[in-house]
mmCIF file of all heavy atoms, coordinates in Angstrom:
data_MODEL
# 
_entry.id   MODEL 
# 
loop_
_atom_site.group_PDB 
_atom_site.id 
_atom_site.type_symbol 
_atom_site.label_atom_id 
_atom_site.label_alt_id 
_atom_site.label_comp_id 
_atom_site.label_asym_id 
_atom_site.label_entity_id 
_atom_site.label_seq_id 
_atom_site.pdbx_PDB_ins_code 
_atom_site.Cartn_x 
_atom_site.Cartn_y 
_atom_site.Cartn_z 
_atom_site.occupancy 
_atom_site.B_iso_or_equiv 
_atom_site.pdbx_formal_charge 
_atom_site.auth_seq_id 
_atom_site.auth_comp_id 
_atom_site.auth_asym_id 
_atom_site.auth_atom_id 
_atom_site.pdbx_PDB_model_num 
ATOM 1   N N   . LYS A 1 1  ? 151.801 57.278 -5.136  1.00 0.00 ? 1  LYS A N   1 
ATOM 2   C CA  . LYS A 1 1  ? 150.419 57.817 -5.037  1.00 0.00 ? 1  LYS A CA  1 
ATOM 3   C C   . LYS A 1 1  ? 149.472 56.988 -5.981  1.00 0.00 ? 1  LYS A C   1 
ATOM 4   O O   . LYS A 1 1  ? 148.368 56.717 -5.562  1.00 0.00 ? 1  LYS A O   1 
ATOM 5   C CB  . LYS A 1 1  ? 150.390 59.304 -5.397  1.00 0.00 ? 1  LYS A CB  1 
ATOM 6   C CG  . LYS A 1 1  ? 150.839 60.248 -4.354  1.00 0.00 ? 1  LYS A CG  1 
ATOM 7   C CD  . LYS A 1 1  ? 150.770 61.618 -4.962  1.00 0.00 ? 1  LYS A CD  1 
ATOM 8   C CE  . LYS A 1 1  ? 150.967 62.702 -3.930  1.00 0.00 ? 1  LYS A CE  1 
ATOM 9   N NZ  . LYS A 1 1  ? 150.848 63.992 -4.596  1.00 0.00 ? 1  LYS A NZ  1 
ATOM 10  N N   . ARG A 1 2  ? 150.009 56.691 -7.104  1.00 0.00 ? 2  ARG A N   1 
ATOM 11  C CA  . ARG A 1 2  ? 149.158 55.859 -8.089  1.00 0.00 ? 2  ARG A CA  1 
ATOM 12  C C   . ARG A 1 2  ? 148.926 54.513 -7.486  1.00 0.00 ? 2  ARG A C   1 
ATOM 13  O O   . ARG A 1 2  ? 147.791 53.981 -7.598  1.00 0.00 ? 2  ARG A O   1 
ATOM 14  C CB  . ARG A 1 2  ? 149.860 55.735 -9.395  1.00 0.00 ? 2  ARG A CB  1 
ATOM 15  C CG  . ARG A 1 2  ? 149.763 57.046 -10.252 1.00 0.00 ? 2  ARG A CG  1 
ATOM 16  C CD  . ARG A 1 2  ? 150.234 56.841 -11.717 1.00 0.00 ? 2  ARG A CD  1 
ATOM 17  N NE  . ARG A 1 2  ? 151.568 56.373 -11.814 1.00 0.00 ? 2  ARG A NE  1 
ATOM 18  C CZ  . ARG A 1 2  ? 152.645 57.172 -11.857 1.00 0.00 ? 2  ARG A CZ  1 
ATOM 19  N NH1 . ARG A 1 2  ? 152.546 58.504 -11.771 1.00 0.00 ? 2  ARG A NH1 1 
ATOM 20  N NH2 . ARG A 1 2  ? 153.845 56.650 -11.968 1.00 0.00 ? 2  ARG A NH2 1 
ATOM 21  N N   . GLN A 1 3  ? 149.907 53.894 -6.808  1.00 0.00 ? 3  GLN A N   1 
ATOM 22  C CA  . GLN A 1 3  ? 149.671 52.570 -6.145  1.00 0.00 ? 3  GLN A CA  1 
ATOM 23  C C   . GLN A 1 3  ? 148.743 52.666 -5.081  1.00 0.00 ? 3  GLN A C   1 
ATOM 24  O O   . GLN A 1 3  ? 147.872 51.802 -4.929  1.00 0.00 ? 3  GLN A O   1 
ATOM 25  C CB  . GLN A 1 3  ? 151.080 52.050 -5.623  1.00 0.00 ? 3  GLN A CB  1 
ATOM 26  C CG  . GLN A 1 3  ? 151.972 51.591 -6.732  1.00 0.00 ? 3  GLN A CG  1 
ATOM 27  C CD  . GLN A 1 3  ? 153.340 51.137 -6.196  1.00 0.00 ? 3  GLN A CD  1 
ATOM 28  O OE1 . GLN A 1 3  ? 153.822 51.652 -5.212  1.00 0.00 ? 3  GLN A OE1 1 
ATOM 29  N NE2 . GLN A 1 3  ? 153.885 50.114 -6.811  1.00 0.00 ? 3  GLN A NE2 1 
ATOM 30  N N   . ILE A 1 4  ? 148.722 53.725 -4.272  1.00 0.00 ? 4  ILE A N   1 
ATOM 31  C CA  . ILE A 1 4  ? 147.757 53.873 -3.200  1.00 0.00 ? 4  ILE A CA  1 
ATOM 32  C C   . ILE A 1 4  ? 146.380 54.044 -3.753  1.00 0.00 ? 4  ILE A C   1 
ATOM 33  O O   . ILE A 1 4  ? 145.357 53.497 -3.249  1.00 0.00 ? 4  ILE A O   1 
ATOM 34  C CB  . ILE A 1 4  ? 148.167 55.101 -2.300  1.00 0.00 ? 4  ILE A CB  1 
ATOM 35  C CG1 . ILE A 1 4  ? 149.372 54.834 -1.488  1.00 0.00 ? 4  ILE A CG1 1 
ATOM 36  C CG2 . ILE A 1 4  ? 147.018 55.515 -1.392  1.00 0.00 ? 4  ILE A CG2 1 
ATOM 37  C CD1 . ILE A 1 4  ? 150.033 56.028 -0.828  1.00 0.00 ? 4  ILE A CD1 1 
ATOM 38  N N   . ASP A 1 5  ? 146.225 54.843 -4.838  1.00 0.00 ? 5  ASP A N   1 
ATOM 39  C CA  . ASP A 1 5  ? 144.914 54.947 -5.529  1.00 0.00 ? 5  ASP A CA  1 
ATOM 40  C C   . ASP A 1 5  ? 144.316 53.653 -5.982  1.00 0.00 ? 5  ASP A C   1 
ATOM 41  O O   . ASP A 1 5  ? 143.111 53.506 -6.085  1.00 0.00 ? 5  ASP A O   1 
ATOM 42  C CB  . ASP A 1 5  ? 144.996 55.939 -6.711  1.00 0.00 ? 5  ASP A CB  1 
ATOM 43  C CG  . ASP A 1 5  ? 145.162 57.382 -6.237  1.00 0.00 ? 5  ASP A CG  1 
ATOM 44  O OD1 . ASP A 1 5  ? 144.830 57.701 -5.080  1.00 0.00 ? 5  ASP A OD1 1 
ATOM 45  O OD2 . ASP A 1 5  ? 145.544 58.222 -7.064  1.00 0.00 ? 5  ASP A OD2 1 
ATOM 46  N N   . LYS A 1 6  ? 145.186 52.654 -6.292  1.00 0.00 ? 6  LYS A N   1 
ATOM 47  C CA  . LYS A 1 6  ? 144.696 51.340 -6.712  1.00 0.00 ? 6  LYS A CA  1 
ATOM 48  C C   . LYS A 1 6  ? 144.327 50.394 -5.582  1.00 0.00 ? 6  LYS A C   1 
ATOM 49  O O   . LYS A 1 6  ? 143.796 49.319 -5.886  1.00 0.00 ? 6  LYS A O   1 
ATOM 50  C CB  . LYS A 1 6  ? 145.756 50.694 -7.540  1.00 0.00 ? 6  LYS A CB  1 
ATOM 51  C CG  . LYS A 1 6  ? 146.011 51.428 -8.887  1.00 0.00 ? 6  LYS A CG  1 
ATOM 52  C CD  . LYS A 1 6  ? 147.081 50.629 -9.652  1.00 0.00 ? 6  LYS A CD  1 
ATOM 53  C CE  . LYS A 1 6  ? 147.563 51.394 -10.909 1.00 0.00 ? 6  LYS A CE  1 
ATOM 54  N NZ  . LYS A 1 6  ? 148.683 50.749 -11.549 1.00 0.00 ? 6  LYS A NZ  1 
ATOM 55  N N   . MET A 1 7  ? 144.588 50.792 -4.371  1.00 0.00 ? 7  MET A N   1 
ATOM 56  C CA  . MET A 1 7  ? 144.325 49.891 -3.239  1.00 0.00 ? 7  MET A CA  1 
ATOM 57  C C   . MET A 1 7  ? 142.835 49.641 -3.127  1.00 0.00 ? 7  MET A C   1 
ATOM 58  O O   . MET A 1 7  ? 141.994 50.501 -3.360  1.00 0.00 ? 7  MET A O   1 
ATOM 59  C CB  . MET A 1 7  ? 144.908 50.523 -1.991  1.00 0.00 ? 7  MET A CB  1 
ATOM 60  C CG  . MET A 1 7  ? 146.370 50.547 -1.917  1.00 0.00 ? 7  MET A CG  1 
ATOM 61  S SD  . MET A 1 7  ? 147.034 51.331 -0.440  1.00 0.00 ? 7  MET A SD  1 
ATOM 62  C CE  . MET A 1 7  ? 146.755 50.089 0.761   1.00 0.00 ? 7  MET A CE  1 
ATOM 63  N N   . THR A 1 8  ? 142.531 48.385 -2.742  1.00 0.00 ? 8  THR A N   1 
ATOM 64  C CA  . THR A 1 8  ? 141.115 47.978 -2.527  1.00 0.00 ? 8  THR A CA  1 
ATOM 65  C C   . THR A 1 8  ? 140.905 47.770 -0.989  1.00 0.00 ? 8  THR A C   1 
ATOM 66  O O   . THR A 1 8  ? 141.533 46.945 -0.382  1.00 0.00 ? 8  THR A O   1 
ATOM 67  C CB  . THR A 1 8  ? 140.814 46.671 -3.264  1.00 0.00 ? 8  THR A CB  1 
ATOM 68  O OG1 . THR A 1 8  ? 141.125 46.844 -4.632  1.00 0.00 ? 8  THR A OG1 1 
ATOM 69  C CG2 . THR A 1 8  ? 139.366 46.282 -3.095  1.00 0.00 ? 8  THR A CG2 1 
ATOM 70  N N   . PRO A 1 9  ? 139.995 48.585 -0.426  1.00 0.00 ? 9  PRO A N   1 
ATOM 71  C CA  . PRO A 1 9  ? 139.721 48.400 1.004   1.00 0.00 ? 9  PRO A CA  1 
ATOM 72  C C   . PRO A 1 9  ? 139.149 47.061 1.259   1.00 0.00 ? 9  PRO A C   1 
ATOM 73  O O   . PRO A 1 9  ? 138.310 46.534 0.494   1.00 0.00 ? 9  PRO A O   1 
ATOM 74  C CB  . PRO A 1 9  ? 138.704 49.560 1.337   1.00 0.00 ? 9  PRO A CB  1 
ATOM 75  C CG  . PRO A 1 9  ? 138.616 50.408 0.177   1.00 0.00 ? 9  PRO A CG  1 
ATOM 76  C CD  . PRO A 1 9  ? 139.233 49.631 -1.024  1.00 0.00 ? 9  PRO A CD  1 
ATOM 77  N N   . MET A 1 10 ? 139.537 46.497 2.363   1.00 0.00 ? 10 MET A N   1 
ATOM 78  C CA  . MET A 1 10 ? 138.986 45.177 2.768   1.00 0.00 ? 10 MET A CA  1 
ATOM 79  C C   . MET A 1 10 ? 138.721 45.284 4.303   1.00 0.00 ? 10 MET A C   1 
ATOM 80  O O   . MET A 1 10 ? 139.285 46.100 4.942   1.00 0.00 ? 10 MET A O   1 
ATOM 81  C CB  . MET A 1 10 ? 139.927 44.082 2.465   1.00 0.00 ? 10 MET A CB  1 
ATOM 82  C CG  . MET A 1 10 ? 140.286 43.915 0.963   1.00 0.00 ? 10 MET A CG  1 
ATOM 83  S SD  . MET A 1 10 ? 141.506 42.695 0.657   1.00 0.00 ? 10 MET A SD  1 
ATOM 84  C CE  . MET A 1 10 ? 140.741 41.178 1.137   1.00 0.00 ? 10 MET A CE  1 
ATOM 85  N N   . ASP A 1 11 ? 137.908 44.429 4.787   1.00 0.00 ? 11 ASP A N   1 
ATOM 86  C CA  . ASP A 1 11 ? 137.535 44.388 6.211   1.00 0.00 ? 11 ASP A CA  1 
ATOM 87  C C   . ASP A 1 11 ? 138.626 43.513 6.907   1.00 0.00 ? 11 ASP A C   1 
ATOM 88  O O   . ASP A 1 11 ? 138.721 42.315 6.730   1.00 0.00 ? 11 ASP A O   1 
ATOM 89  C CB  . ASP A 1 11 ? 136.201 43.831 6.443   1.00 0.00 ? 11 ASP A CB  1 
ATOM 90  C CG  . ASP A 1 11 ? 135.700 44.150 7.796   1.00 0.00 ? 11 ASP A CG  1 
ATOM 91  O OD1 . ASP A 1 11 ? 136.218 45.094 8.456   1.00 0.00 ? 11 ASP A OD1 1 
ATOM 92  O OD2 . ASP A 1 11 ? 134.731 43.426 8.297   1.00 0.00 ? 11 ASP A OD2 1 
ATOM 93  N N   . MET A 1 12 ? 139.441 44.090 7.788   1.00 0.00 ? 12 MET A N   1 
ATOM 94  C CA  . MET A 1 12 ? 140.465 43.372 8.439   1.00 0.00 ? 12 MET A CA  1 
ATOM 95  C C   . MET A 1 12 ? 139.900 42.837 9.746   1.00 0.00 ? 12 MET A C   1 
ATOM 96  O O   . MET A 1 12 ? 139.229 43.572 10.454  1.00 0.00 ? 12 MET A O   1 
ATOM 97  C CB  . MET A 1 12 ? 141.659 44.360 8.848   1.00 0.00 ? 12 MET A CB  1 
ATOM 98  C CG  . MET A 1 12 ? 142.402 44.881 7.641   1.00 0.00 ? 12 MET A CG  1 
ATOM 99  S SD  . MET A 1 12 ? 143.664 46.102 8.143   1.00 0.00 ? 12 MET A SD  1 
ATOM 100 C CE  . MET A 1 12 ? 144.625 45.291 9.367   1.00 0.00 ? 12 MET A CE  1 
ATOM 101 N N   . PRO A 1 13 ? 140.142 41.607 10.032  1.00 0.00 ? 13 PRO A N   1 
ATOM 102 C CA  . PRO A 1 13 ? 139.671 40.983 11.332  1.00 0.00 ? 13 PRO A CA  1 
ATOM 103 C C   . PRO A 1 13 ? 140.520 41.433 12.517  1.00 0.00 ? 13 PRO A C   1 
ATOM 104 O O   . PRO A 1 13 ? 139.968 41.412 13.648  1.00 0.00 ? 13 PRO A O   1 
ATOM 105 C CB  . PRO A 1 13 ? 139.762 39.492 11.069  1.00 0.00 ? 13 PRO A CB  1 
ATOM 106 C CG  . PRO A 1 13 ? 140.813 39.319 10.044  1.00 0.00 ? 13 PRO A CG  1 
ATOM 107 C CD  . PRO A 1 13 ? 140.788 40.561 9.191   1.00 0.00 ? 13 PRO A CD  1 
ATOM 108 N N   . GLU A 1 14 ? 141.724 41.813 12.312  1.00 0.00 ? 14 GLU A N   1 
ATOM 109 C CA  . GLU A 1 14 ? 142.648 42.223 13.402  1.00 0.00 ? 14 GLU A CA  1 
ATOM 110 C C   . GLU A 1 14 ? 143.784 43.084 12.866  1.00 0.00 ? 14 GLU A C   1 
ATOM 111 O O   . GLU A 1 14 ? 144.050 43.138 11.737  1.00 0.00 ? 14 GLU A O   1 
ATOM 112 C CB  . GLU A 1 14 ? 143.179 40.952 14.168  1.00 0.00 ? 14 GLU A CB  1 
ATOM 113 C CG  . GLU A 1 14 ? 143.635 39.813 13.256  1.00 0.00 ? 14 GLU A CG  1 
ATOM 114 C CD  . GLU A 1 14 ? 145.044 40.012 12.645  1.00 0.00 ? 14 GLU A CD  1 
ATOM 115 O OE1 . GLU A 1 14 ? 145.865 40.769 13.174  1.00 0.00 ? 14 GLU A OE1 1 
ATOM 116 O OE2 . GLU A 1 14 ? 145.343 39.346 11.647  1.00 0.00 ? 14 GLU A OE2 1 
ATOM 117 N N   . PHE A 1 15 ? 144.438 43.788 13.771  1.00 0.00 ? 15 PHE A N   1 
ATOM 118 C CA  . PHE A 1 15 ? 145.507 44.667 13.381  1.00 0.00 ? 15 PHE A CA  1 
ATOM 119 C C   . PHE A 1 15 ? 146.931 44.029 13.571  1.00 0.00 ? 15 PHE A C   1 
ATOM 120 O O   . PHE A 1 15 ? 147.883 44.522 13.022  1.00 0.00 ? 15 PHE A O   1 
ATOM 121 C CB  . PHE A 1 15 ? 145.572 45.932 14.277  1.00 0.00 ? 15 PHE A CB  1 
ATOM 122 C CG  . PHE A 1 15 ? 144.418 46.867 14.032  1.00 0.00 ? 15 PHE A CG  1 
ATOM 123 C CD1 . PHE A 1 15 ? 143.533 47.245 15.025  1.00 0.00 ? 15 PHE A CD1 1 
ATOM 124 C CD2 . PHE A 1 15 ? 144.189 47.448 12.784  1.00 0.00 ? 15 PHE A CD2 1 
ATOM 125 C CE1 . PHE A 1 15 ? 142.506 48.125 14.807  1.00 0.00 ? 15 PHE A CE1 1 
ATOM 126 C CE2 . PHE A 1 15 ? 143.153 48.321 12.522  1.00 0.00 ? 15 PHE A CE2 1 
ATOM 127 C CZ  . PHE A 1 15 ? 142.314 48.668 13.539  1.00 0.00 ? 15 PHE A CZ  1 
ATOM 128 N N   . ASP A 1 16 ? 147.059 42.984 14.388  1.00 0.00 ? 16 ASP A N   1 
ATOM 129 C CA  . ASP A 1 16 ? 148.320 42.381 14.729  1.00 0.00 ? 16 ASP A CA  1 
ATOM 130 C C   . ASP A 1 16 ? 149.206 42.028 13.487  1.00 0.00 ? 16 ASP A C   1 
ATOM 131 O O   . ASP A 1 16 ? 150.420 42.335 13.413  1.00 0.00 ? 16 ASP A O   1 
ATOM 132 C CB  . ASP A 1 16 ? 148.126 41.109 15.585  1.00 0.00 ? 16 ASP A CB  1 
ATOM 133 C CG  . ASP A 1 16 ? 147.671 41.469 16.963  1.00 0.00 ? 16 ASP A CG  1 
ATOM 134 O OD1 . ASP A 1 16 ? 147.124 42.556 17.192  1.00 0.00 ? 16 ASP A OD1 1 
ATOM 135 O OD2 . ASP A 1 16 ? 147.775 40.582 17.863  1.00 0.00 ? 16 ASP A OD2 1 
ATOM 136 N N   . THR A 1 17 ? 148.597 41.369 12.482  1.00 0.00 ? 17 THR A N   1 
ATOM 137 C CA  . THR A 1 17 ? 149.444 40.922 11.374  1.00 0.00 ? 17 THR A CA  1 
ATOM 138 C C   . THR A 1 17 ? 150.082 42.085 10.679  1.00 0.00 ? 17 THR A C   1 
ATOM 139 O O   . THR A 1 17 ? 151.325 42.070 10.391  1.00 0.00 ? 17 THR A O   1 
ATOM 140 C CB  . THR A 1 17 ? 148.554 40.151 10.354  1.00 0.00 ? 17 THR A CB  1 
ATOM 141 O OG1 . THR A 1 17 ? 147.951 39.075 11.060  1.00 0.00 ? 17 THR A OG1 1 
ATOM 142 C CG2 . THR A 1 17 ? 149.369 39.636 9.185   1.00 0.00 ? 17 THR A CG2 1 
ATOM 143 N N   . GLY A 1 18 ? 149.334 43.118 10.364  1.00 0.00 ? 18 GLY A N   1 
ATOM 144 C CA  . GLY A 1 18 ? 149.902 44.305 9.612   1.00 0.00 ? 18 GLY A CA  1 
ATOM 145 C C   . GLY A 1 18 ? 150.888 45.014 10.482  1.00 0.00 ? 18 GLY A C   1 
ATOM 146 O O   . GLY A 1 18 ? 151.927 45.491 10.006  1.00 0.00 ? 18 GLY A O   1 
ATOM 147 N N   . LEU A 1 19 ? 150.573 45.202 11.786  1.00 0.00 ? 19 LEU A N   1 
ATOM 148 C CA  . LEU A 1 19 ? 151.495 45.904 12.661  1.00 0.00 ? 19 LEU A CA  1 
ATOM 149 C C   . LEU A 1 19 ? 152.776 45.122 12.794  1.00 0.00 ? 19 LEU A C   1 
ATOM 150 O O   . LEU A 1 19 ? 153.905 45.728 12.855  1.00 0.00 ? 19 LEU A O   1 
ATOM 151 C CB  . LEU A 1 19 ? 150.836 46.155 14.053  1.00 0.00 ? 19 LEU A CB  1 
ATOM 152 C CG  . LEU A 1 19 ? 149.798 47.223 14.063  1.00 0.00 ? 19 LEU A CG  1 
ATOM 153 C CD1 . LEU A 1 19 ? 149.111 47.292 15.412  1.00 0.00 ? 19 LEU A CD1 1 
ATOM 154 C CD2 . LEU A 1 19 ? 150.318 48.569 13.668  1.00 0.00 ? 19 LEU A CD2 1 
ATOM 155 N N   . LYS A 1 20 ? 152.762 43.844 12.935  1.00 0.00 ? 20 LYS A N   1 
ATOM 156 C CA  . LYS A 1 20 ? 153.931 43.066 13.015  1.00 0.00 ? 20 LYS A CA  1 
ATOM 157 C C   . LYS A 1 20 ? 154.791 43.125 11.781  1.00 0.00 ? 20 LYS A C   1 
ATOM 158 O O   . LYS A 1 20 ? 155.988 43.184 11.869  1.00 0.00 ? 20 LYS A O   1 
ATOM 159 C CB  . LYS A 1 20 ? 153.612 41.572 13.324  1.00 0.00 ? 20 LYS A CB  1 
ATOM 160 C CG  . LYS A 1 20 ? 153.134 41.444 14.784  1.00 0.00 ? 20 LYS A CG  1 
ATOM 161 C CD  . LYS A 1 20 ? 152.745 39.951 15.080  1.00 0.00 ? 20 LYS A CD  1 
ATOM 162 C CE  . LYS A 1 20 ? 152.251 39.921 16.551  1.00 0.00 ? 20 LYS A CE  1 
ATOM 163 N NZ  . LYS A 1 20 ? 151.793 38.546 16.905  1.00 0.00 ? 20 LYS A NZ  1 
ATOM 164 N N   . MET A 1 21 ? 154.164 43.090 10.621  1.00 0.00 ? 21 MET A N   1 
ATOM 165 C CA  . MET A 1 21 ? 154.923 43.315 9.350   1.00 0.00 ? 21 MET A CA  1 
ATOM 166 C C   . MET A 1 21 ? 155.554 44.646 9.368   1.00 0.00 ? 21 MET A C   1 
ATOM 167 O O   . MET A 1 21 ? 156.746 44.742 8.932   1.00 0.00 ? 21 MET A O   1 
ATOM 168 C CB  . MET A 1 21 ? 153.969 43.112 8.128   1.00 0.00 ? 21 MET A CB  1 
ATOM 169 C CG  . MET A 1 21 ? 153.481 41.695 8.002   1.00 0.00 ? 21 MET A CG  1 
ATOM 170 S SD  . MET A 1 21 ? 152.168 41.524 6.777   1.00 0.00 ? 21 MET A SD  1 
ATOM 171 C CE  . MET A 1 21 ? 153.010 42.116 5.291   1.00 0.00 ? 21 MET A CE  1 
ATOM 172 N N   . ALA A 1 22 ? 154.876 45.670 9.683   1.00 0.00 ? 22 ALA A N   1 
ATOM 173 C CA  . ALA A 1 22 ? 155.395 47.069 9.696   1.00 0.00 ? 22 ALA A CA  1 
ATOM 174 C C   . ALA A 1 22 ? 156.556 47.181 10.734  1.00 0.00 ? 22 ALA A C   1 
ATOM 175 O O   . ALA A 1 22 ? 157.598 47.718 10.393  1.00 0.00 ? 22 ALA A O   1 
ATOM 176 C CB  . ALA A 1 22 ? 154.366 48.071 9.935   1.00 0.00 ? 22 ALA A CB  1 
ATOM 177 N N   . HIS A 1 23 ? 156.383 46.627 11.892  1.00 0.00 ? 23 HIS A N   1 
ATOM 178 C CA  . HIS A 1 23 ? 157.391 46.634 12.900  1.00 0.00 ? 23 HIS A CA  1 
ATOM 179 C C   . HIS A 1 23 ? 158.656 45.986 12.460  1.00 0.00 ? 23 HIS A C   1 
ATOM 180 O O   . HIS A 1 23 ? 159.755 46.546 12.672  1.00 0.00 ? 23 HIS A O   1 
ATOM 181 C CB  . HIS A 1 23 ? 156.866 46.033 14.236  1.00 0.00 ? 23 HIS A CB  1 
ATOM 182 C CG  . HIS A 1 23 ? 157.851 46.014 15.357  1.00 0.00 ? 23 HIS A CG  1 
ATOM 183 N ND1 . HIS A 1 23 ? 158.688 44.920 15.485  1.00 0.00 ? 23 HIS A ND1 1 
ATOM 184 C CD2 . HIS A 1 23 ? 158.134 46.942 16.267  1.00 0.00 ? 23 HIS A CD2 1 
ATOM 185 C CE1 . HIS A 1 23 ? 159.430 45.207 16.583  1.00 0.00 ? 23 HIS A CE1 1 
ATOM 186 N NE2 . HIS A 1 23 ? 159.112 46.430 17.000  1.00 0.00 ? 23 HIS A NE2 1 
ATOM 187 N N   . GLU A 1 24 ? 158.534 44.851 11.784  1.00 0.00 ? 24 GLU A N   1 
ATOM 188 C CA  . GLU A 1 24 ? 159.725 44.134 11.340  1.00 0.00 ? 24 GLU A CA  1 
ATOM 189 C C   . GLU A 1 24 ? 160.531 44.977 10.352  1.00 0.00 ? 24 GLU A C   1 
ATOM 190 O O   . GLU A 1 24 ? 161.789 45.023 10.523  1.00 0.00 ? 24 GLU A O   1 
ATOM 191 C CB  . GLU A 1 24 ? 159.251 42.866 10.689  1.00 0.00 ? 24 GLU A CB  1 
ATOM 192 C CG  . GLU A 1 24 ? 160.422 41.988 10.181  1.00 0.00 ? 24 GLU A CG  1 
ATOM 193 C CD  . GLU A 1 24 ? 159.904 40.710 9.494   1.00 0.00 ? 24 GLU A CD  1 
ATOM 194 O OE1 . GLU A 1 24 ? 159.057 40.055 10.111  1.00 0.00 ? 24 GLU A OE1 1 
ATOM 195 O OE2 . GLU A 1 24 ? 160.384 40.443 8.387   1.00 0.00 ? 24 GLU A OE2 1 
ATOM 196 N N   . LYS A 1 25 ? 159.853 45.606 9.437   1.00 0.00 ? 25 LYS A N   1 
ATOM 197 C CA  . LYS A 1 25 ? 160.604 46.401 8.445   1.00 0.00 ? 25 LYS A CA  1 
ATOM 198 C C   . LYS A 1 25 ? 161.122 47.742 9.076   1.00 0.00 ? 25 LYS A C   1 
ATOM 199 O O   . LYS A 1 25 ? 162.241 48.160 8.741   1.00 0.00 ? 25 LYS A O   1 
ATOM 200 C CB  . LYS A 1 25 ? 159.700 46.796 7.286   1.00 0.00 ? 25 LYS A CB  1 
ATOM 201 C CG  . LYS A 1 25 ? 159.293 45.528 6.427   1.00 0.00 ? 25 LYS A CG  1 
ATOM 202 C CD  . LYS A 1 25 ? 160.574 44.983 5.714   1.00 0.00 ? 25 LYS A CD  1 
ATOM 203 C CE  . LYS A 1 25 ? 160.108 43.869 4.853   1.00 0.00 ? 25 LYS A CE  1 
ATOM 204 N NZ  . LYS A 1 25 ? 161.270 43.231 4.186   1.00 0.00 ? 25 LYS A NZ  1 
ATOM 205 N N   . LEU A 1 26 ? 160.342 48.365 9.892   1.00 0.00 ? 26 LEU A N   1 
ATOM 206 C CA  . LEU A 1 26 ? 160.726 49.686 10.422  1.00 0.00 ? 26 LEU A CA  1 
ATOM 207 C C   . LEU A 1 26 ? 161.851 49.595 11.440  1.00 0.00 ? 26 LEU A C   1 
ATOM 208 O O   . LEU A 1 26 ? 162.647 50.464 11.609  1.00 0.00 ? 26 LEU A O   1 
ATOM 209 C CB  . LEU A 1 26 ? 159.486 50.361 11.079  1.00 0.00 ? 26 LEU A CB  1 
ATOM 210 C CG  . LEU A 1 26 ? 158.343 50.769 10.106  1.00 0.00 ? 26 LEU A CG  1 
ATOM 211 C CD1 . LEU A 1 26 ? 157.186 51.272 10.934  1.00 0.00 ? 26 LEU A CD1 1 
ATOM 212 C CD2 . LEU A 1 26 ? 158.880 51.874 9.168   1.00 0.00 ? 26 LEU A CD2 1 
ATOM 213 N N   . THR A 1 27 ? 161.989 48.461 12.117  1.00 0.00 ? 27 THR A N   1 
ATOM 214 C CA  . THR A 1 27 ? 163.058 48.291 13.131  1.00 0.00 ? 27 THR A CA  1 
ATOM 215 C C   . THR A 1 27 ? 164.269 47.524 12.596  1.00 0.00 ? 27 THR A C   1 
ATOM 216 O O   . THR A 1 27 ? 165.224 47.354 13.324  1.00 0.00 ? 27 THR A O   1 
ATOM 217 C CB  . THR A 1 27 ? 162.482 47.584 14.366  1.00 0.00 ? 27 THR A CB  1 
ATOM 218 O OG1 . THR A 1 27 ? 161.960 46.315 14.016  1.00 0.00 ? 27 THR A OG1 1 
ATOM 219 C CG2 . THR A 1 27 ? 161.421 48.427 15.041  1.00 0.00 ? 27 THR A CG2 1 
ATOM 220 N N   . ASP A 1 28 ? 164.202 47.091 11.316  1.00 0.00 ? 28 ASP A N   1 
ATOM 221 C CA  . ASP A 1 28 ? 165.364 46.391 10.735  1.00 0.00 ? 28 ASP A CA  1 
ATOM 222 C C   . ASP A 1 28 ? 166.546 47.355 10.689  1.00 0.00 ? 28 ASP A C   1 
ATOM 223 O O   . ASP A 1 28 ? 166.412 48.402 10.019  1.00 0.00 ? 28 ASP A O   1 
ATOM 224 C CB  . ASP A 1 28 ? 164.997 45.887 9.328   1.00 0.00 ? 28 ASP A CB  1 
ATOM 225 C CG  . ASP A 1 28 ? 166.046 44.977 8.746   1.00 0.00 ? 28 ASP A CG  1 
ATOM 226 O OD1 . ASP A 1 28 ? 167.259 45.122 9.127   1.00 0.00 ? 28 ASP A OD1 1 
ATOM 227 O OD2 . ASP A 1 28 ? 165.694 44.163 7.966   1.00 0.00 ? 28 ASP A OD2 1 
# 
């Protein structure tokens, strides 16, 4: 929770990169 509170929002140009990273870890 503390780590989430420290996150800095940024403007993402696309979703593909993050989704691919998540997919790789979640389906390992």
